[in-house]
C-alpha atoms as a PDB file:
ATOM      1  CA  MET A   1      79.092 163.562 199.143  1.00  0.00           C
ATOM      2  CA  THR A   2      82.672 163.301 200.350  1.00  0.00           C
ATOM      3  CA  ARG A   3      83.043 164.386 203.945  1.00  0.00           C
ATOM      4  CA  GLU A   4      85.894 162.114 205.170  1.00  0.00           C
ATOM      5  CA  PRO A   5      84.953 162.718 208.841  1.00  0.00           C
ATOM      6  CA  HIS A   6      87.542 160.211 210.053  1.00  0.00           C
ATOM      7  CA  SER A   7      90.298 162.540 208.807  1.00  0.00           C
ATOM      8  CA  GLN A   8      89.116 165.617 210.685  1.00  0.00           C
ATOM      9  CA  PRO A   9      90.477 164.789 214.183  1.00  0.00           C
ATOM     10  CA  LEU A  10      93.767 163.706 212.612  1.00  0.00           C
ATOM     11  CA  ILE A  11      94.039 167.009 210.750  1.00  0.00           C
ATOM     12  CA  SER A  12      93.184 168.925 213.921  1.00  0.00           C
ATOM     13  CA  HIS A  13      95.947 167.158 215.842  1.00  0.00           C
ATOM     14  CA  TYR A  14      98.425 167.688 213.013  1.00  0.00           C
ATOM     15  CA  ILE A  15      97.673 171.430 212.833  1.00  0.00           C
ATOM     16  CA  GLU A  16      98.114 171.853 216.583  1.00  0.00           C
ATOM     17  CA  LYS A  17     101.540 170.196 216.438  1.00  0.00           C
ATOM     18  CA  PHE A  18     102.579 172.089 213.306  1.00  0.00           C
ATOM     19  CA  LEU A  19     101.668 175.515 214.667  1.00  0.00           C
ATOM     20  CA  GLU A  20     103.298 174.832 218.004  1.00  0.00           C
ATOM     21  CA  GLU A  21     106.482 173.718 216.255  1.00  0.00           C
ATOM     22  CA  HIS A  22     106.669 176.631 213.800  1.00  0.00           C
ATOM     23  CA  PHE A  23     104.934 179.459 215.708  1.00  0.00           C
ATOM     24  CA  GLY A  24     105.652 178.469 219.292  1.00  0.00           C
ATOM     25  CA  GLU A  25     101.970 178.320 220.248  1.00  0.00           C
ATOM     26  CA  LYS A  26      98.973 176.161 219.443  1.00  0.00           C
ATOM     27  CA  PRO A  27      95.341 177.257 219.187  1.00  0.00           C
ATOM     28  CA  GLU A  28      92.850 176.632 221.955  1.00  0.00           C
ATOM     29  CA  GLN A  29      90.511 175.082 219.386  1.00  0.00           C
ATOM     30  CA  VAL A  30      90.830 173.715 215.855  1.00  0.00           C
ATOM     31  CA  ILE A  31      87.687 173.059 213.776  1.00  0.00           C
ATOM     32  CA  VAL A  32      88.180 171.176 210.518  1.00  0.00           C
ATOM     33  CA  THR A  33      85.786 171.116 207.582  1.00  0.00           C
ATOM     34  CA  LEU A  34      86.811 168.734 204.805  1.00  0.00           C
ATOM     35  CA  ARG A  35      84.569 168.909 201.800  1.00  0.00           C
ATOM     36  CA  PRO A  36      86.389 168.609 198.472  1.00  0.00           C
ATOM     37  CA  PRO A  37      87.562 170.637 196.718  1.00  0.00           C
ATOM     38  CA  PHE A  38      88.177 172.543 199.963  1.00  0.00           C
ATOM     39  CA  LEU A  39      89.720 171.891 203.343  1.00  0.00           C
ATOM     40  CA  LEU A  40      88.972 174.582 205.922  1.00  0.00           C
ATOM     41  CA  ILE A  41      90.772 174.839 209.257  1.00  0.00           C
ATOM     42  CA  HIS A  42      89.246 177.325 211.689  1.00  0.00           C
ATOM     43  CA  LEU A  43      91.517 178.357 214.567  1.00  0.00           C
ATOM     44  CA  ASN A  44      90.255 179.855 217.829  1.00  0.00           C
ATOM     45  CA  GLY A  45      92.289 181.282 220.675  1.00  0.00           C
ATOM     46  CA  PHE A  46      95.477 181.745 218.651  1.00  0.00           C
ATOM     47  CA  ILE A  47      97.758 184.622 219.627  1.00  0.00           C
ATOM     48  CA  LEU A  48     101.506 184.674 220.174  1.00  0.00           C
ATOM     49  CA  PRO A  49     103.030 186.351 223.249  1.00  0.00           C
ATOM     50  CA  SER A  50     105.123 188.572 220.976  1.00  0.00           C
ATOM     51  CA  GLU A  51     101.956 189.766 219.206  1.00  0.00           C
ATOM     52  CA  LYS A  52      99.889 190.762 222.233  1.00  0.00           C
ATOM     53  CA  MET A  53     101.484 194.196 222.640  1.00  0.00           C
ATOM     54  CA  PHE A  54     100.863 195.127 218.995  1.00  0.00           C
ATOM     55  CA  VAL A  55      97.267 193.849 219.144  1.00  0.00           C
ATOM     56  CA  GLU A  56      96.540 195.786 222.335  1.00  0.00           C
ATOM     57  CA  LYS A  57      97.858 198.972 220.671  1.00  0.00           C
ATOM     58  CA  GLY A  58      95.793 198.342 217.553  1.00  0.00           C
ATOM     59  CA  GLN A  59      98.872 197.850 215.373  1.00  0.00           C
ATOM     60  CA  TRP A  60      97.277 194.919 213.602  1.00  0.00           C
ATOM     61  CA  ASN A  61      99.013 195.314 210.264  1.00  0.00           C
ATOM     62  CA  LYS A  62     102.384 194.586 211.885  1.00  0.00           C
ATOM     63  CA  VAL A  63     101.045 191.251 213.145  1.00  0.00           C
ATOM     64  CA  LEU A  64      99.257 190.441 209.882  1.00  0.00           C
ATOM     65  CA  GLU A  65     102.365 191.140 207.835  1.00  0.00           C
ATOM     66  CA  ILE A  66     104.535 188.890 209.993  1.00  0.00           C
ATOM     67  CA  ARG A  67     101.962 186.109 209.951  1.00  0.00           C
ATOM     68  CA  ASP A  68     101.636 186.345 206.175  1.00  0.00           C
ATOM     69  CA  LEU A  69     105.392 185.986 205.843  1.00  0.00           C
ATOM     70  CA  LEU A  70     105.490 183.058 208.270  1.00  0.00           C
ATOM     71  CA  ILE A  71     102.666 181.224 206.515  1.00  0.00           C
ATOM     72  CA  ASP A  72     104.317 181.810 203.167  1.00  0.00           C
ATOM     73  CA  SER A  73     107.590 180.362 204.456  1.00  0.00           C
ATOM     74  CA  VAL A  74     105.961 177.139 205.709  1.00  0.00           C
ATOM     75  CA  LYS A  75     103.225 176.801 203.079  1.00  0.00           C
ATOM     76  CA  ALA A  76     104.925 174.006 201.121  1.00  0.00           C
ATOM     77  CA  ASP A  77     105.625 171.950 204.264  1.00  0.00           C
ATOM     78  CA  LEU A  78     102.111 172.482 205.590  1.00  0.00           C
ATOM     79  CA  LEU A  79     100.492 171.409 202.322  1.00  0.00           C
ATOM     80  CA  THR A  80     102.712 168.321 202.201  1.00  0.00           C
ATOM     81  CA  GLY A  81     101.689 167.373 205.724  1.00  0.00           C
ATOM     82  CA  LEU A  82      97.980 167.946 205.078  1.00  0.00           C
ATOM     83  CA  GLN A  83      98.130 165.906 201.880  1.00  0.00           C
ATOM     84  CA  ALA A  84      98.450 162.739 203.962  1.00  0.00           C
ATOM     85  CA  TYR A  85      94.900 163.272 205.255  1.00  0.00           C
ATOM     86  CA  SER A  86      93.212 164.173 201.978  1.00  0.00           C
ATOM     87  CA  LYS A  87      92.292 162.004 198.999  1.00  0.00           C
ATOM     88  CA  GLY A  88      92.201 165.027 196.706  1.00  0.00           C
ATOM     89  CA  LYS A  89      95.458 166.614 195.547  1.00  0.00           C
ATOM     90  CA  LEU A  90      96.039 169.876 197.434  1.00  0.00           C
ATOM     91  CA  THR A  91      97.028 172.772 195.198  1.00  0.00           C
ATOM     92  CA  ASN A  92      97.325 175.900 197.337  1.00  0.00           C
ATOM     93  CA  LEU A  93      96.939 177.335 200.813  1.00  0.00           C
ATOM     94  CA  TYR A  94      95.257 180.577 201.880  1.00  0.00           C
ATOM     95  CA  ALA A  95      95.181 182.169 205.317  1.00  0.00           C
ATOM     96  CA  ASP A  96      93.536 185.054 207.129  1.00  0.00           C
ATOM     97  CA  TRP A  97      93.264 186.223 210.728  1.00  0.00           C
ATOM     98  CA  ASN A  98      90.784 188.075 212.907  1.00  0.00           C
ATOM     99  CA  LEU A  99      93.106 189.416 215.579  1.00  0.00           C
ATOM    100  CA  SER A 100      90.351 191.026 217.636  1.00  0.00           C
ATOM    101  CA  LYS A 101      88.743 187.598 218.072  1.00  0.00           C
ATOM    102  CA  ARG A 102      92.092 185.752 218.117  1.00  0.00           C
ATOM    103  CA  SER A 103      90.822 183.522 215.358  1.00  0.00           C
ATOM    104  CA  GLY A 104      92.101 182.453 211.974  1.00  0.00           C
ATOM    105  CA  MET A 105      91.241 180.458 208.886  1.00  0.00           C
ATOM    106  CA  LEU A 106      93.425 178.225 206.729  1.00  0.00           C
ATOM    107  CA  ILE A 107      91.946 177.279 203.348  1.00  0.00           C
ATOM    108  CA  ALA A 108      93.530 174.462 201.372  1.00  0.00           C
ATOM    109  CA  THR A 109      92.256 174.044 197.832  1.00  0.00           C
ATOM    110  CA  MET A 110      92.213 170.828 195.815  1.00  0.00           C
ATOM    111  CA  GLU A 111      92.220 170.002 192.156  1.00  0.00           C
ATOM    112  CA  LYS A 112      88.681 170.165 190.799  1.00  0.00           C
ATOM    113  CA  ASP A 113      87.633 167.037 188.983  1.00  0.00           C
ATOM    114  CA  SER A 114      84.910 166.660 186.404  1.00  0.00           C
ATOM    115  CA  LEU A 115      82.529 165.056 188.911  1.00  0.00           C
ATOM    116  CA  HIS A 116      81.509 168.261 190.614  1.00  0.00           C
ATOM    117  CA  GLU A 117      79.724 167.922 193.953  1.00  0.00           C
ATOM    118  CA  GLU A 118      76.570 169.892 194.556  1.00  0.00           C
ATOM    119  CA  PHE A 119      76.613 172.634 197.170  1.00  0.00           C
ATOM    120  CA  PRO A 120      72.917 173.484 197.549  1.00  0.00           C
ATOM    121  CA  TRP A 121      71.843 176.818 198.989  1.00  0.00           C
ATOM    122  CA  PRO A 122      70.040 176.767 202.343  1.00  0.00           C
ATOM    123  CA  LYS A 123      66.368 177.542 201.815  1.00  0.00           C
ATOM    124  CA  ARG A 124      66.485 180.356 204.359  1.00  0.00           C
ATOM    125  CA  VAL A 125      69.000 182.408 202.311  1.00  0.00           C
ATOM    126  CA  ASP A 126      67.931 185.005 199.742  1.00  0.00           C
ATOM    127  CA  GLU A 127      70.207 183.756 196.939  1.00  0.00           C
ATOM    128  CA  ASP A 128      69.610 186.501 194.379  1.00  0.00           C
ATOM    129  CA  THR A 129      70.160 189.329 196.868  1.00  0.00           C
ATOM    130  CA  LEU A 130      73.300 187.768 198.308  1.00  0.00           C
ATOM    131  CA  ARG A 131      74.782 187.307 194.843  1.00  0.00           C
ATOM    132  CA  GLU A 132      74.082 190.974 194.123  1.00  0.00           C
ATOM    133  CA  ILE A 133      75.713 192.096 197.374  1.00  0.00           C
ATOM    134  CA  ILE A 134      78.868 190.088 196.708  1.00  0.00           C
ATOM    135  CA  LEU A 135      78.988 191.611 193.228  1.00  0.00           C
ATOM    136  CA  LEU A 136      78.608 195.138 194.614  1.00  0.00           C
ATOM    137  CA  ASN A 137      81.264 194.541 197.251  1.00  0.00           C
ATOM    138  CA  SER A 138      83.635 193.175 194.614  1.00  0.00           C
ATOM    139  CA  MET A 139      83.081 196.290 192.516  1.00  0.00           C
ATOM    140  CA  GLY A 140      83.983 198.456 195.503  1.00  0.00           C
ATOM    141  CA  THR A 141      87.213 196.623 196.285  1.00  0.00           C
ATOM    142  CA  GLN A 142      88.515 195.563 192.885  1.00  0.00           C
ATOM    143  CA  ARG A 143      86.299 194.928 189.838  1.00  0.00           C
ATOM    144  CA  ILE A 144      83.496 192.634 188.755  1.00  0.00           C
ATOM    145  CA  PRO A 145      85.084 189.163 188.789  1.00  0.00           C
ATOM    146  CA  ASP A 146      85.148 187.121 185.615  1.00  0.00           C
ATOM    147  CA  GLN A 147      83.635 184.292 187.645  1.00  0.00           C
ATOM    148  CA  THR A 148      82.037 184.064 191.094  1.00  0.00           C
ATOM    149  CA  ASN A 149      81.288 180.667 192.656  1.00  0.00           C
ATOM    150  CA  PHE A 150      79.361 180.033 195.872  1.00  0.00           C
ATOM    151  CA  TYR A 151      80.067 176.904 197.921  1.00  0.00           C
ATOM    152  CA  TRP A 152      77.872 176.154 200.923  1.00  0.00           C
ATOM    153  CA  LEU A 153      80.173 173.727 202.745  1.00  0.00           C
ATOM    154  CA  SER A 154      77.514 173.469 205.461  1.00  0.00           C
ATOM    155  CA  ASP A 155      74.557 175.536 206.649  1.00  0.00           C
ATOM    156  CA  GLN A 156      77.020 177.590 208.711  1.00  0.00           C
ATOM    157  CA  ILE A 157      79.932 177.913 206.250  1.00  0.00           C
ATOM    158  CA  LEU A 158      79.808 179.811 202.970  1.00  0.00           C
ATOM    159  CA  LEU A 159      82.922 179.957 200.796  1.00  0.00           C
ATOM    160  CA  ILE A 160      82.928 182.375 197.871  1.00  0.00           C
ATOM    161  CA  GLU A 161      85.479 181.938 195.098  1.00  0.00           C
ATOM    162  CA  ARG A 162      86.167 184.869 192.778  1.00  0.00           C
ATOM    163  CA  ILE A 163      88.314 184.479 189.670  1.00  0.00           C
ATOM    164  CA  GLY A 164      89.644 187.320 187.529  1.00  0.00           C
ATOM    165  CA  ILE A 165      89.603 190.103 190.104  1.00  0.00           C
ATOM    166  CA  LEU A 166      92.441 192.587 189.566  1.00  0.00           C
ATOM    167  CA  ILE A 167      92.319 195.981 187.903  1.00  0.00           C
ATOM    168  CA  ASP A 168      95.247 197.065 185.727  1.00  0.00           C
ATOM    169  CA  ILE A 169      97.080 199.033 188.403  1.00  0.00           C
ATOM    170  CA  GLU A 170      96.880 196.070 190.792  1.00  0.00           C
ATOM    171  CA  LYS A 171      98.282 193.774 188.111  1.00  0.00           C
ATOM    172  CA  LYS A 172     101.216 196.166 187.723  1.00  0.00           C
ATOM    173  CA  LEU A 173     101.824 196.168 191.475  1.00  0.00           C
ATOM    174  CA  VAL A 174     101.850 192.371 191.470  1.00  0.00           C
ATOM    175  CA  GLU A 175     104.310 192.371 188.562  1.00  0.00           C
ATOM    176  CA  ASN A 176     106.555 194.633 190.647  1.00  0.00           C
ATOM    177  CA  GLY A 177     106.337 192.286 193.644  1.00  0.00           C
ATOM    178  CA  ILE A 178     104.198 194.599 195.765  1.00  0.00           C
ATOM    179  CA  THR A 179     101.823 191.895 196.969  1.00  0.00           C
ATOM    180  CA  GLU A 180     101.909 192.137 200.762  1.00  0.00           C
ATOM    181  CA  GLU A 181     101.116 195.857 200.677  1.00  0.00           C
ATOM    182  CA  LEU A 182      98.237 195.079 198.313  1.00  0.00           C
ATOM    183  CA  ARG A 183      96.934 192.359 200.612  1.00  0.00           C
ATOM    184  CA  LEU A 184      97.037 194.618 203.682  1.00  0.00           C
ATOM    185  CA  ALA A 185      95.251 197.400 201.778  1.00  0.00           C
ATOM    186  CA  LYS A 186      92.492 195.186 200.395  1.00  0.00           C
ATOM    187  CA  ARG A 187      91.683 193.271 203.594  1.00  0.00           C
ATOM    188  CA  PRO A 188      89.756 196.050 205.388  1.00  0.00           C
ATOM    189  CA  LEU A 189      87.940 196.959 202.170  1.00  0.00           C
ATOM    190  CA  GLU A 190      86.652 193.402 201.849  1.00  0.00           C
ATOM    191  CA  LEU A 191      85.723 193.071 205.510  1.00  0.00           C
ATOM    192  CA  ARG A 192      83.554 196.184 205.493  1.00  0.00           C
ATOM    193  CA  ILE A 193      80.897 194.150 203.672  1.00  0.00           C
ATOM    194  CA  THR A 194      79.301 193.521 207.070  1.00  0.00           C
ATOM    195  CA  GLN A 195      79.052 197.286 207.656  1.00  0.00           C
ATOM    196  CA  LEU A 196      77.812 198.313 204.216  1.00  0.00           C
ATOM    197  CA  PHE A 197      75.154 195.633 203.796  1.00  0.00           C
ATOM    198  CA  ASN A 198      72.608 193.996 206.061  1.00  0.00           C
ATOM    199  CA  LEU A 199      74.019 190.517 205.515  1.00  0.00           C
ATOM    200  CA  GLU A 200      72.377 188.976 208.530  1.00  0.00           C
ATOM    201  CA  SER A 201      68.848 189.605 207.279  1.00  0.00           C
ATOM    202  CA  ILE A 202      69.730 188.132 203.889  1.00  0.00           C
ATOM    203  CA  LEU A 203      71.484 185.127 205.405  1.00  0.00           C
ATOM    204  CA  ASN A 204      68.815 184.851 208.093  1.00  0.00           C
ATOM    205  CA  GLY A 205      71.568 184.382 210.660  1.00  0.00           C
ATOM    206  CA  GLN A 206      74.375 186.141 212.487  1.00  0.00           C
ATOM    207  CA  VAL A 207      77.812 186.380 210.852  1.00  0.00           C
ATOM    208  CA  LEU A 208      80.237 185.176 213.515  1.00  0.00           C
ATOM    209  CA  ASP A 209      83.455 185.609 211.556  1.00  0.00           C
ATOM    210  CA  LEU A 210      84.706 186.488 208.099  1.00  0.00           C
ATOM    211  CA  PHE A 211      87.999 185.739 206.374  1.00  0.00           C
ATOM    212  CA  VAL A 212      89.515 186.614 202.997  1.00  0.00           C
ATOM    213  CA  ASP A 213      92.725 185.896 201.119  1.00  0.00           C
ATOM    214  CA  TRP A 214      94.099 186.119 197.574  1.00  0.00           C
ATOM    215  CA  ASP A 215      96.422 184.483 195.120  1.00  0.00           C
ATOM    216  CA  PHE A 216      97.324 187.576 193.146  1.00  0.00           C
ATOM    217  CA  GLN A 217      99.359 185.730 190.538  1.00  0.00           C
ATOM    218  CA  ARG A 218      96.374 183.533 189.667  1.00  0.00           C
ATOM    219  CA  GLU A 219      93.859 186.332 190.286  1.00  0.00           C
ATOM    220  CA  VAL A 220      91.825 184.229 192.696  1.00  0.00           C
ATOM    221  CA  SER A 221      90.179 185.292 195.957  1.00  0.00           C
ATOM    222  CA  TYR A 222      88.454 183.249 198.650  1.00  0.00           C
ATOM    223  CA  LEU A 223      85.971 184.774 201.079  1.00  0.00           C
ATOM    224  CA  VAL A 224      84.640 182.645 203.956  1.00  0.00           C
ATOM    225  CA  LEU A 225      81.640 183.546 206.115  1.00  0.00           C
ATOM    226  CA  LEU A 226      81.001 181.635 209.325  1.00  0.00           C
ATOM    227  CA  LEU A 227      77.404 181.823 210.516  1.00  0.00           C
ATOM    228  CA  GLU A 228      75.761 181.054 213.804  1.00  0.00           C
ATOM    229  CA  GLU A 229      74.413 177.550 214.233  1.00  0.00           C
ATOM    230  CA  ARG A 230      70.689 177.616 213.873  1.00  0.00           C
ATOM    231  CA  LYS A 231      68.626 176.171 216.693  1.00  0.00           C
ATOM    232  CA  THR A 232      66.187 173.468 215.698  1.00  0.00           C
END
């Protein structure tokens, strides 16, 4: 199992400096999970002074749109910087934000090699029911994915990869360059999974945060659930 724990504090420090340089603020906390083929960077206490007014008025889409544009503009530089701390070749970067909690998630993906690591399911989780719920939620927001992969990066972090997700009208929108509008429309539909289904009983734990992002050109989506740490 490749954890590379020595890289995690270096990545945390790098992210703090990068965000402060490009956004003008740094998070209060950065939590790094490095488990190939994924690098997750969880940000807490991250809000810009210019965003506070919009957040307080509930105008979240304005903030999300600007952040999406900012991340897109620095994505190549950020991936290049993160590459120095990862043995696996980084291929893409995804990002999502929970403005009400002032949190965020950066997901860097790596090339998948033939030696695939095991990501065993926690014994407490009802695997069959959770798979069915994710399928039902996917049907309600897009279509049944061609492929759905579950990666338990730890007992508290579940990453769900969905490949082949767009319906025909969405593909046409992407062809016409209407991707940000599509992203803003699909976000709340994905996040309502916690309202439509009793996830916590299936996961046997509280869902603390949830993030989602897409690569519409590649028809890939990543959904990350952060769960409470179980007391021993």
